[in-house]
Amino acid sequence: MLIGGVFLSVFVRPWEKNKIIWDGMTITGLFVIIMFGTILAFVAYMEGVRLIGASKASLYAAVEPLTATVASVIFFHVTFLPIDFTGFLCIIAAVAMLSIPKNKK
């Protein structure tokens, strides 16, 4: 995310398009997003990996974009195009392929 943000900032230049007012509310909001949206989420994920194991956690993490999409349809009434459904099928297929047990020799 950091590398992508820095790379795209060269082309988009968000500091020129949106004038940000750095008051207490903005700094507090940024702090809450960093703490709860990033650090707390990462700590919770790592605790989940410890509890259920890395392979199950990776399968759950792979399905997370699909879950977020379903939630956006339910709560925000988002509509999708056929290419979106193709992406959903690719995610489901990847999770299915990862969950197939491999034969040990």
PDB file of N, CA and C in Angstrom:
ATOM      1  N   MET A   1       0.829  -1.188   0.000  1.00  0.00           N
ATOM      2  CA  MET A   1       0.000   0.000   0.000  1.00  0.00           C
ATOM      3  C   MET A   1       0.876   1.255   0.000  1.00  0.00           C
ATOM      4  N   LEU A   2       1.933   1.215   0.787  1.00  0.00           N
ATOM      5  CA  LEU A   2       2.814   2.380   0.853  1.00  0.00           C
ATOM      6  C   LEU A   2       3.491   2.612  -0.494  1.00  0.00           C
ATOM      7  N   ILE A   3       4.032   1.551  -1.079  1.00  0.00           N
ATOM      8  CA  ILE A   3       4.730   1.682  -2.361  1.00  0.00           C
ATOM      9  C   ILE A   3       3.760   2.124  -3.450  1.00  0.00           C
ATOM     10  N   GLY A   4       2.561   1.523  -3.468  1.00  0.00           N
ATOM     11  CA  GLY A   4       1.556   1.918  -4.455  1.00  0.00           C
ATOM     12  C   GLY A   4       1.120   3.364  -4.277  1.00  0.00           C
ATOM     13  N   GLY A   5       0.935   3.780  -3.029  1.00  0.00           N
ATOM     14  CA  GLY A   5       0.547   5.164  -2.763  1.00  0.00           C
ATOM     15  C   GLY A   5       1.605   6.159  -3.189  1.00  0.00           C
ATOM     16  N   VAL A   6       2.860   5.840  -2.906  1.00  0.00           N
ATOM     17  CA  VAL A   6       3.951   6.739  -3.306  1.00  0.00           C
ATOM     18  C   VAL A   6       4.057   6.788  -4.831  1.00  0.00           C
ATOM     19  N   PHE A   7       3.953   5.634  -5.474  1.00  0.00           N
ATOM     20  CA  PHE A   7       4.056   5.584  -6.940  1.00  0.00           C
ATOM     21  C   PHE A   7       2.923   6.369  -7.596  1.00  0.00           C
ATOM     22  N   LEU A   8       1.691   6.145  -7.142  1.00  0.00           N
ATOM     23  CA  LEU A   8       0.553   6.824  -7.758  1.00  0.00           C
ATOM     24  C   LEU A   8       0.508   8.312  -7.417  1.00  0.00           C
ATOM     25  N   SER A   9       1.114   8.725  -6.319  1.00  0.00           N
ATOM     26  CA  SER A   9       1.143  10.145  -5.969  1.00  0.00           C
ATOM     27  C   SER A   9       1.883  10.970  -7.004  1.00  0.00           C
ATOM     28  N   VAL A  10       2.816  10.351  -7.712  1.00  0.00           N
ATOM     29  CA  VAL A  10       3.544  11.060  -8.763  1.00  0.00           C
ATOM     30  C   VAL A  10       2.586  11.485  -9.867  1.00  0.00           C
ATOM     31  N   PHE A  11       1.598  10.641 -10.154  1.00  0.00           N
ATOM     32  CA  PHE A  11       0.669  10.921 -11.239  1.00  0.00           C
ATOM     33  C   PHE A  11      -0.586  11.667 -10.779  1.00  0.00           C
ATOM     34  N   VAL A  12      -1.091  11.350  -9.603  1.00  0.00           N
ATOM     35  CA  VAL A  12      -2.367  11.910  -9.150  1.00  0.00           C
ATOM     36  C   VAL A  12      -2.191  13.233  -8.428  1.00  0.00           C
ATOM     37  N   ARG A  13      -1.135  13.373  -7.644  1.00  0.00           N
ATOM     38  CA  ARG A  13      -0.829  14.569  -6.851  1.00  0.00           C
ATOM     39  C   ARG A  13      -2.017  14.976  -5.971  1.00  0.00           C
ATOM     40  N   PRO A  14      -2.364  14.141  -5.000  1.00  0.00           N
ATOM     41  CA  PRO A  14      -3.543  14.430  -4.173  1.00  0.00           C
ATOM     42  C   PRO A  14      -3.405  15.696  -3.344  1.00  0.00           C
ATOM     43  N   TRP A  15      -2.192  16.135  -3.056  1.00  0.00           N
ATOM     44  CA  TRP A  15      -2.004  17.350  -2.270  1.00  0.00           C
ATOM     45  C   TRP A  15      -2.399  18.597  -3.050  1.00  0.00           C
ATOM     46  N   GLU A  16      -2.449  18.507  -4.389  1.00  0.00           N
ATOM     47  CA  GLU A  16      -2.858  19.655  -5.196  1.00  0.00           C
ATOM     48  C   GLU A  16      -4.375  19.680  -5.421  1.00  0.00           C
ATOM     49  N   LYS A  17      -5.006  18.513  -5.452  1.00  0.00           N
ATOM     50  CA  LYS A  17      -6.426  18.440  -5.764  1.00  0.00           C
ATOM     51  C   LYS A  17      -7.306  18.667  -4.548  1.00  0.00           C
ATOM     52  N   ASN A  18      -6.909  18.157  -3.423  1.00  0.00           N
ATOM     53  CA  ASN A  18      -7.716  18.269  -2.211  1.00  0.00           C
ATOM     54  C   ASN A  18      -6.923  19.030  -1.157  1.00  0.00           C
ATOM     55  N   LYS A  19      -7.433  20.160  -0.771  1.00  0.00           N
ATOM     56  CA  LYS A  19      -6.776  20.926   0.279  1.00  0.00           C
ATOM     57  C   LYS A  19      -7.191  20.345   1.620  1.00  0.00           C
ATOM     58  N   ILE A  20      -6.258  19.770   2.344  1.00  0.00           N
ATOM     59  CA  ILE A  20      -6.531  19.136   3.620  1.00  0.00           C
ATOM     60  C   ILE A  20      -6.315  20.156   4.728  1.00  0.00           C
ATOM     61  N   ILE A  21      -7.290  20.233   5.611  1.00  0.00           N
ATOM     62  CA  ILE A  21      -7.174  21.104   6.775  1.00  0.00           C
ATOM     63  C   ILE A  21      -6.711  20.229   7.929  1.00  0.00           C
ATOM     64  N   TRP A  22      -5.496  20.432   8.392  1.00  0.00           N
ATOM     65  CA  TRP A  22      -4.914  19.608   9.447  1.00  0.00           C
ATOM     66  C   TRP A  22      -5.283  20.147  10.817  1.00  0.00           C
ATOM     67  N   ASP A  23      -6.535  19.942  11.192  1.00  0.00           N
ATOM     68  CA  ASP A  23      -6.971  20.340  12.523  1.00  0.00           C
ATOM     69  C   ASP A  23      -6.991  19.109  13.430  1.00  0.00           C
ATOM     70  N   GLY A  24      -7.476  19.276  14.646  1.00  0.00           N
ATOM     71  CA  GLY A  24      -7.504  18.178  15.610  1.00  0.00           C
ATOM     72  C   GLY A  24      -8.364  17.017  15.161  1.00  0.00           C
ATOM     73  N   MET A  25      -9.485  17.308  14.503  1.00  0.00           N
ATOM     74  CA  MET A  25     -10.387  16.252  14.038  1.00  0.00           C
ATOM     75  C   MET A  25      -9.731  15.408  12.949  1.00  0.00           C
ATOM     76  N   THR A  26      -9.012  16.029  12.041  1.00  0.00           N
ATOM     77  CA  THR A  26      -8.335  15.301  10.971  1.00  0.00           C
ATOM     78  C   THR A  26      -7.240  14.409  11.535  1.00  0.00           C
ATOM     79  N   ILE A  27      -6.453  14.937  12.442  1.00  0.00           N
ATOM     80  CA  ILE A  27      -5.363  14.156  13.039  1.00  0.00           C
ATOM     81  C   ILE A  27      -5.928  13.008  13.876  1.00  0.00           C
ATOM     82  N   THR A  28      -7.006  13.253  14.609  1.00  0.00           N
ATOM     83  CA  THR A  28      -7.637  12.198  15.398  1.00  0.00           C
ATOM     84  C   THR A  28      -8.194  11.106  14.492  1.00  0.00           C
ATOM     85  N   GLY A  29      -8.857  11.495  13.427  1.00  0.00           N
ATOM     86  CA  GLY A  29      -9.390  10.517  12.473  1.00  0.00           C
ATOM     87  C   GLY A  29      -8.298   9.683  11.840  1.00  0.00           C
ATOM     88  N   LEU A  30      -7.206  10.316  11.465  1.00  0.00           N
ATOM     89  CA  LEU A  30      -6.073   9.597  10.891  1.00  0.00           C
ATOM     90  C   LEU A  30      -5.475   8.628  11.900  1.00  0.00           C
ATOM     91  N   PHE A  31      -5.351   9.059  13.133  1.00  0.00           N
ATOM     92  CA  PHE A  31      -4.821   8.211  14.194  1.00  0.00           C
ATOM     93  C   PHE A  31      -5.724   6.993  14.422  1.00  0.00           C
ATOM     94  N   VAL A  32      -7.035   7.203  14.450  1.00  0.00           N
ATOM     95  CA  VAL A  32      -7.975   6.094  14.668  1.00  0.00           C
ATOM     96  C   VAL A  32      -7.905   5.103  13.513  1.00  0.00           C
ATOM     97  N   ILE A  33      -7.832   5.587  12.288  1.00  0.00           N
ATOM     98  CA  ILE A  33      -7.729   4.693  11.128  1.00  0.00           C
ATOM     99  C   ILE A  33      -6.445   3.881  11.192  1.00  0.00           C
ATOM    100  N   ILE A  34      -5.336   4.522  11.547  1.00  0.00           N
ATOM    101  CA  ILE A  34      -4.060   3.809  11.632  1.00  0.00           C
ATOM    102  C   ILE A  34      -4.096   2.777  12.742  1.00  0.00           C
ATOM    103  N   MET A  35      -4.591   3.163  13.902  1.00  0.00           N
ATOM    104  CA  MET A  35      -4.570   2.252  15.049  1.00  0.00           C
ATOM    105  C   MET A  35      -5.537   1.083  14.870  1.00  0.00           C
ATOM    106  N   PHE A  36      -6.789   1.371  14.554  1.00  0.00           N
ATOM    107  CA  PHE A  36      -7.797   0.321  14.505  1.00  0.00           C
ATOM    108  C   PHE A  36      -7.850  -0.372  13.144  1.00  0.00           C
ATOM    109  N   GLY A  37      -7.675   0.372  12.085  1.00  0.00           N
ATOM    110  CA  GLY A  37      -7.784  -0.212  10.758  1.00  0.00           C
ATOM    111  C   GLY A  37      -6.550  -0.947  10.304  1.00  0.00           C
ATOM    112  N   THR A  38      -5.421  -0.676  10.918  1.00  0.00           N
ATOM    113  CA  THR A  38      -4.185  -1.309  10.480  1.00  0.00           C
ATOM    114  C   THR A  38      -3.563  -2.154  11.580  1.00  0.00           C
ATOM    115  N   ILE A  39      -3.158  -1.520  12.641  1.00  0.00           N
ATOM    116  CA  ILE A  39      -2.412  -2.228  13.683  1.00  0.00           C
ATOM    117  C   ILE A  39      -3.295  -3.254  14.397  1.00  0.00           C
ATOM    118  N   LEU A  40      -4.479  -2.851  14.829  1.00  0.00           N
ATOM    119  CA  LEU A  40      -5.360  -3.779  15.532  1.00  0.00           C
ATOM    120  C   LEU A  40      -5.801  -4.922  14.619  1.00  0.00           C
ATOM    121  N   ALA A  41      -6.081  -4.613  13.350  1.00  0.00           N
ATOM    122  CA  ALA A  41      -6.457  -5.660  12.398  1.00  0.00           C
ATOM    123  C   ALA A  41      -5.314  -6.649  12.184  1.00  0.00           C
ATOM    124  N   PHE A  42      -4.089  -6.157  12.092  1.00  0.00           N
ATOM    125  CA  PHE A  42      -2.938  -7.043  11.913  1.00  0.00           C
ATOM    126  C   PHE A  42      -2.721  -7.919  13.138  1.00  0.00           C
ATOM    127  N   VAL A  43      -2.830  -7.339  14.320  1.00  0.00           N
ATOM    128  CA  VAL A  43      -2.658  -8.115  15.553  1.00  0.00           C
ATOM    129  C   VAL A  43      -3.743  -9.190  15.653  1.00  0.00           C
ATOM    130  N   ALA A  44      -4.976  -8.840  15.304  1.00  0.00           N
ATOM    131  CA  ALA A  44      -6.061  -9.822  15.342  1.00  0.00           C
ATOM    132  C   ALA A  44      -5.821 -10.939  14.332  1.00  0.00           C
ATOM    133  N   TYR A  45      -5.329 -10.603  13.151  1.00  0.00           N
ATOM    134  CA  TYR A  45      -5.027 -11.621  12.137  1.00  0.00           C
ATOM    135  C   TYR A  45      -3.916 -12.556  12.621  1.00  0.00           C
ATOM    136  N   MET A  46      -2.880 -11.999  13.192  1.00  0.00           N
ATOM    137  CA  MET A  46      -1.778 -12.835  13.673  1.00  0.00           C
ATOM    138  C   MET A  46      -2.230 -13.746  14.814  1.00  0.00           C
ATOM    139  N   GLU A  47      -3.110 -13.264  15.670  1.00  0.00           N
ATOM    140  CA  GLU A  47      -3.656 -14.113  16.734  1.00  0.00           C
ATOM    141  C   GLU A  47      -4.509 -15.225  16.133  1.00  0.00           C
ATOM    142  N   GLY A  48      -5.258 -14.910  15.099  1.00  0.00           N
ATOM    143  CA  GLY A  48      -6.033 -15.929  14.404  1.00  0.00           C
ATOM    144  C   GLY A  48      -5.152 -16.980  13.763  1.00  0.00           C
ATOM    145  N   VAL A  49      -4.042 -16.559  13.168  1.00  0.00           N
ATOM    146  CA  VAL A  49      -3.085 -17.511  12.580  1.00  0.00           C
ATOM    147  C   VAL A  49      -2.541 -18.423  13.666  1.00  0.00           C
ATOM    148  N   ARG A  50      -2.256 -17.866  14.816  1.00  0.00           N
ATOM    149  CA  ARG A  50      -1.744 -18.682  15.916  1.00  0.00           C
ATOM    150  C   ARG A  50      -2.785 -19.707  16.372  1.00  0.00           C
ATOM    151  N   LEU A  51      -4.042 -19.315  16.390  1.00  0.00           N
ATOM    152  CA  LEU A  51      -5.090 -20.198  16.886  1.00  0.00           C
ATOM    153  C   LEU A  51      -5.507 -21.281  15.893  1.00  0.00           C
ATOM    154  N   ILE A  52      -5.642 -20.934  14.606  1.00  0.00           N
ATOM    155  CA  ILE A  52      -6.165 -21.909  13.639  1.00  0.00           C
ATOM    156  C   ILE A  52      -5.121 -22.435  12.662  1.00  0.00           C
ATOM    157  N   GLY A  53      -3.941 -21.857  12.638  1.00  0.00           N
ATOM    158  CA  GLY A  53      -2.897 -22.327  11.738  1.00  0.00           C
ATOM    159  C   GLY A  53      -2.814 -21.479  10.477  1.00  0.00           C
ATOM    160  N   ALA A  54      -1.659 -21.530   9.857  1.00  0.00           N
ATOM    161  CA  ALA A  54      -1.382 -20.665   8.709  1.00  0.00           C
ATOM    162  C   ALA A  54      -2.198 -21.042   7.477  1.00  0.00           C
ATOM    163  N   SER A  55      -2.379 -22.335   7.231  1.00  0.00           N
ATOM    164  CA  SER A  55      -3.080 -22.734   6.007  1.00  0.00           C
ATOM    165  C   SER A  55      -4.551 -22.328   6.043  1.00  0.00           C
ATOM    166  N   LYS A  56      -5.229 -22.539   7.156  1.00  0.00           N
ATOM    167  CA  LYS A  56      -6.627 -22.114   7.257  1.00  0.00           C
ATOM    168  C   LYS A  56      -6.738 -20.595   7.228  1.00  0.00           C
ATOM    169  N   ALA A  57      -5.818 -19.918   7.880  1.00  0.00           N
ATOM    170  CA  ALA A  57      -5.857 -18.451   7.896  1.00  0.00           C
ATOM    171  C   ALA A  57      -5.665 -17.886   6.499  1.00  0.00           C
ATOM    172  N   SER A  58      -4.804 -18.494   5.698  1.00  0.00           N
ATOM    173  CA  SER A  58      -4.597 -18.002   4.338  1.00  0.00           C
ATOM    174  C   SER A  58      -5.835 -18.216   3.481  1.00  0.00           C
ATOM    175  N   LEU A  59      -6.561 -19.298   3.710  1.00  0.00           N
ATOM    176  CA  LEU A  59      -7.807 -19.514   2.974  1.00  0.00           C
ATOM    177  C   LEU A  59      -8.847 -18.462   3.355  1.00  0.00           C
ATOM    178  N   TYR A  60      -8.966 -18.171   4.647  1.00  0.00           N
ATOM    179  CA  TYR A  60      -9.899 -17.133   5.083  1.00  0.00           C
ATOM    180  C   TYR A  60      -9.491 -15.767   4.533  1.00  0.00           C
ATOM    181  N   ALA A  61      -8.216 -15.498   4.498  1.00  0.00           N
ATOM    182  CA  ALA A  61      -7.741 -14.213   3.974  1.00  0.00           C
ATOM    183  C   ALA A  61      -8.012 -14.100   2.475  1.00  0.00           C
ATOM    184  N   ALA A  62      -7.957 -15.223   1.765  1.00  0.00           N
ATOM    185  CA  ALA A  62      -8.223 -15.191   0.329  1.00  0.00           C
ATOM    186  C   ALA A  62      -9.693 -14.910   0.036  1.00  0.00           C
ATOM    187  N   VAL A  63     -10.580 -15.292   0.931  1.00  0.00           N
ATOM    188  CA  VAL A  63     -12.011 -15.088   0.731  1.00  0.00           C
ATOM    189  C   VAL A  63     -12.450 -13.700   1.206  1.00  0.00           C
ATOM    190  N   GLU A  64     -11.609 -12.991   1.902  1.00  0.00           N
ATOM    191  CA  GLU A  64     -11.965 -11.685   2.463  1.00  0.00           C
ATOM    192  C   GLU A  64     -12.443 -10.686   1.409  1.00  0.00           C
ATOM    193  N   PRO A  65     -11.826 -10.575   0.224  1.00  0.00           N
ATOM    194  CA  PRO A  65     -12.363  -9.627  -0.768  1.00  0.00           C
ATOM    195  C   PRO A  65     -13.789  -9.971  -1.195  1.00  0.00           C
ATOM    196  N   LEU A  66     -14.085 -11.251  -1.289  1.00  0.00           N
ATOM    197  CA  LEU A  66     -15.428 -11.671  -1.659  1.00  0.00           C
ATOM    198  C   LEU A  66     -16.428 -11.312  -0.560  1.00  0.00           C
ATOM    199  N   THR A  67     -16.036 -11.499   0.684  1.00  0.00           N
ATOM    200  CA  THR A  67     -16.888 -11.141   1.814  1.00  0.00           C
ATOM    201  C   THR A  67     -17.136  -9.632   1.852  1.00  0.00           C
ATOM    202  N   ALA A  68     -16.115  -8.853   1.610  1.00  0.00           N
ATOM    203  CA  ALA A  68     -16.275  -7.394   1.576  1.00  0.00           C
ATOM    204  C   ALA A  68     -17.206  -6.975   0.445  1.00  0.00           C
ATOM    205  N   THR A  69     -17.147  -7.671  -0.661  1.00  0.00           N
ATOM    206  CA  THR A  69     -18.019  -7.368  -1.787  1.00  0.00           C
ATOM    207  C   THR A  69     -19.474  -7.666  -1.458  1.00  0.00           C
ATOM    208  N   VAL A  70     -19.710  -8.815  -0.856  1.00  0.00           N
ATOM    209  CA  VAL A  70     -21.077  -9.165  -0.467  1.00  0.00           C
ATOM    210  C   VAL A  70     -21.610  -8.148   0.548  1.00  0.00           C
ATOM    211  N   ALA A  71     -20.775  -7.744   1.482  1.00  0.00           N
ATOM    212  CA  ALA A  71     -21.194  -6.742   2.469  1.00  0.00           C
ATOM    213  C   ALA A  71     -21.515  -5.411   1.792  1.00  0.00           C
ATOM    214  N   SER A  72     -20.760  -5.024   0.776  1.00  0.00           N
ATOM    215  CA  SER A  72     -21.036  -3.763   0.090  1.00  0.00           C
ATOM    216  C   SER A  72     -22.347  -3.831  -0.689  1.00  0.00           C
ATOM    217  N   VAL A  73     -22.691  -5.002  -1.210  1.00  0.00           N
ATOM    218  CA  VAL A  73     -23.981  -5.157  -1.892  1.00  0.00           C
ATOM    219  C   VAL A  73     -25.117  -5.038  -0.886  1.00  0.00           C
ATOM    220  N   ILE A  74     -24.953  -5.701   0.255  1.00  0.00           N
ATOM    221  CA  ILE A  74     -26.024  -5.713   1.258  1.00  0.00           C
ATOM    222  C   ILE A  74     -26.209  -4.344   1.903  1.00  0.00           C
ATOM    223  N   PHE A  75     -25.123  -3.729   2.323  1.00  0.00           N
ATOM    224  CA  PHE A  75     -25.230  -2.496   3.093  1.00  0.00           C
ATOM    225  C   PHE A  75     -25.242  -1.222   2.256  1.00  0.00           C
ATOM    226  N   PHE A  76     -24.548  -1.226   1.108  1.00  0.00           N
ATOM    227  CA  PHE A  76     -24.431  -0.010   0.309  1.00  0.00           C
ATOM    228  C   PHE A  76     -25.145  -0.084  -1.027  1.00  0.00           C
ATOM    229  N   HIS A  77     -25.777  -1.232  -1.327  1.00  0.00           N
ATOM    230  CA  HIS A  77     -26.558  -1.417  -2.554  1.00  0.00           C
ATOM    231  C   HIS A  77     -25.726  -1.152  -3.814  1.00  0.00           C
ATOM    232  N   VAL A  78     -24.507  -1.673  -3.826  1.00  0.00           N
ATOM    233  CA  VAL A  78     -23.607  -1.519  -4.963  1.00  0.00           C
ATOM    234  C   VAL A  78     -24.014  -2.511  -6.048  1.00  0.00           C
ATOM    235  N   THR A  79     -23.962  -2.088  -7.295  1.00  0.00           N
ATOM    236  CA  THR A  79     -24.224  -2.995  -8.411  1.00  0.00           C
ATOM    237  C   THR A  79     -22.906  -3.323  -9.105  1.00  0.00           C
ATOM    238  N   PHE A  80     -22.844  -4.503  -9.701  1.00  0.00           N
ATOM    239  CA  PHE A  80     -21.606  -4.962 -10.310  1.00  0.00           C
ATOM    240  C   PHE A  80     -21.802  -5.297 -11.781  1.00  0.00           C
ATOM    241  N   LEU A  81     -20.711  -5.242 -12.509  1.00  0.00           N
ATOM    242  CA  LEU A  81     -20.686  -5.568 -13.937  1.00  0.00           C
ATOM    243  C   LEU A  81     -20.261  -7.022 -14.121  1.00  0.00           C
ATOM    244  N   PRO A  82     -20.427  -7.557 -15.305  1.00  0.00           N
ATOM    245  CA  PRO A  82     -20.005  -8.947 -15.547  1.00  0.00           C
ATOM    246  C   PRO A  82     -18.520  -9.199 -15.255  1.00  0.00           C
ATOM    247  N   ILE A  83     -17.668  -8.231 -15.483  1.00  0.00           N
ATOM    248  CA  ILE A  83     -16.243  -8.418 -15.196  1.00  0.00           C
ATOM    249  C   ILE A  83     -16.007  -8.597 -13.701  1.00  0.00           C
ATOM    250  N   ASP A  84     -16.841  -7.978 -12.879  1.00  0.00           N
ATOM    251  CA  ASP A  84     -16.742  -8.155 -11.428  1.00  0.00           C
ATOM    252  C   ASP A  84     -17.055  -9.596 -11.040  1.00  0.00           C
ATOM    253  N   PHE A  85     -18.078 -10.149 -11.660  1.00  0.00           N
ATOM    254  CA  PHE A  85     -18.435 -11.538 -11.365  1.00  0.00           C
ATOM    255  C   PHE A  85     -17.350 -12.507 -11.835  1.00  0.00           C
ATOM    256  N   THR A  86     -16.663 -12.160 -12.912  1.00  0.00           N
ATOM    257  CA  THR A  86     -15.530 -12.961 -13.357  1.00  0.00           C
ATOM    258  C   THR A  86     -14.431 -12.962 -12.294  1.00  0.00           C
ATOM    259  N   GLY A  87     -14.191 -11.823 -11.707  1.00  0.00           N
ATOM    260  CA  GLY A  87     -13.212 -11.730 -10.627  1.00  0.00           C
ATOM    261  C   GLY A  87     -13.616 -12.551  -9.418  1.00  0.00           C
ATOM    262  N   PHE A  88     -14.903 -12.540  -9.090  1.00  0.00           N
ATOM    263  CA  PHE A  88     -15.391 -13.351  -7.972  1.00  0.00           C
ATOM    264  C   PHE A  88     -15.122 -14.825  -8.231  1.00  0.00           C
ATOM    265  N   LEU A  89     -15.415 -15.261  -9.455  1.00  0.00           N
ATOM    266  CA  LEU A  89     -15.176 -16.672  -9.800  1.00  0.00           C
ATOM    267  C   LEU A  89     -13.696 -17.027  -9.720  1.00  0.00           C
ATOM    268  N   CYS A  90     -12.835 -16.098 -10.116  1.00  0.00           N
ATOM    269  CA  CYS A  90     -11.386 -16.348 -10.018  1.00  0.00           C
ATOM    270  C   CYS A  90     -10.955 -16.506  -8.562  1.00  0.00           C
ATOM    271  N   ILE A  91     -11.502 -15.682  -7.680  1.00  0.00           N
ATOM    272  CA  ILE A  91     -11.167 -15.791  -6.255  1.00  0.00           C
ATOM    273  C   ILE A  91     -11.631 -17.131  -5.703  1.00  0.00           C
ATOM    274  N   ILE A  92     -12.861 -17.503  -6.014  1.00  0.00           N
ATOM    275  CA  ILE A  92     -13.397 -18.776  -5.520  1.00  0.00           C
ATOM    276  C   ILE A  92     -12.587 -19.948  -6.075  1.00  0.00           C
ATOM    277  N   ALA A  93     -12.214 -19.881  -7.350  1.00  0.00           N
ATOM    278  CA  ALA A  93     -11.410 -20.953  -7.949  1.00  0.00           C
ATOM    279  C   ALA A  93     -10.037 -21.047  -7.290  1.00  0.00           C
ATOM    280  N   ALA A  94      -9.416 -19.908  -6.993  1.00  0.00           N
ATOM    281  CA  ALA A  94      -8.104 -19.926  -6.349  1.00  0.00           C
ATOM    282  C   ALA A  94      -8.183 -20.533  -4.957  1.00  0.00           C
ATOM    283  N   VAL A  95      -9.216 -20.174  -4.203  1.00  0.00           N
ATOM    284  CA  VAL A  95      -9.386 -20.742  -2.863  1.00  0.00           C
ATOM    285  C   VAL A  95      -9.637 -22.242  -2.958  1.00  0.00           C
ATOM    286  N   ALA A  96     -10.440 -22.654  -3.924  1.00  0.00           N
ATOM    287  CA  ALA A  96     -10.713 -24.083  -4.100  1.00  0.00           C
ATOM    288  C   ALA A  96      -9.440 -24.843  -4.449  1.00  0.00           C
ATOM    289  N   MET A  97      -8.610 -24.279  -5.315  1.00  0.00           N
ATOM    290  CA  MET A  97      -7.361 -24.960  -5.683  1.00  0.00           C
ATOM    291  C   MET A  97      -6.396 -25.029  -4.509  1.00  0.00           C
ATOM    292  N   LEU A  98      -6.385 -24.004  -3.685  1.00  0.00           N
ATOM    293  CA  LEU A  98      -5.493 -24.018  -2.527  1.00  0.00           C
ATOM    294  C   LEU A  98      -5.957 -25.011  -1.452  1.00  0.00           C
ATOM    295  N   SER A  99      -7.243 -25.290  -1.418  1.00  0.00           N
ATOM    296  CA  SER A  99      -7.765 -26.163  -0.377  1.00  0.00           C
ATOM    297  C   SER A  99      -7.701 -27.653  -0.748  1.00  0.00           C
ATOM    298  N   ILE A 100      -7.351 -27.956  -1.991  1.00  0.00           N
ATOM    299  CA  ILE A 100      -7.239 -29.364  -2.396  1.00  0.00           C
ATOM    300  C   ILE A 100      -5.969 -29.930  -1.786  1.00  0.00           C
ATOM    301  N   PRO A 101      -6.101 -31.042  -1.044  1.00  0.00           N
ATOM    302  CA  PRO A 101      -4.906 -31.630  -0.418  1.00  0.00           C
ATOM    303  C   PRO A 101      -3.969 -32.210  -1.467  1.00  0.00           C
ATOM    304  N   LYS A 102      -2.672 -32.070  -1.217  1.00  0.00           N
ATOM    305  CA  LYS A 102      -1.666 -32.592  -2.137  1.00  0.00           C
ATOM    306  C   LYS A 102      -1.253 -33.992  -1.701  1.00  0.00           C
ATOM    307  N   ASN A 103      -0.991 -34.833  -2.685  1.00  0.00           N
ATOM    308  CA  ASN A 103      -0.526 -36.198  -2.372  1.00  0.00           C
ATOM    309  C   ASN A 103       0.921 -36.155  -1.943  1.00  0.00           C
ATOM    310  N   LYS A 104       1.214 -36.834  -0.831  1.00  0.00           N
ATOM    311  CA  LYS A 104       2.598 -36.905  -0.355  1.00  0.00           C
ATOM    312  C   LYS A 104       3.214 -38.179  -0.859  1.00  0.00           C
ATOM    313  N   LYS A 105       4.440 -38.104  -1.323  1.00  0.00           N
ATOM    314  CA  LYS A 105       5.136 -39.284  -1.857  1.00  0.00           C
ATOM    315  C   LYS A 105       5.945 -39.957  -0.804  1.00  0.00           C
TER     316      LYS A 105
END
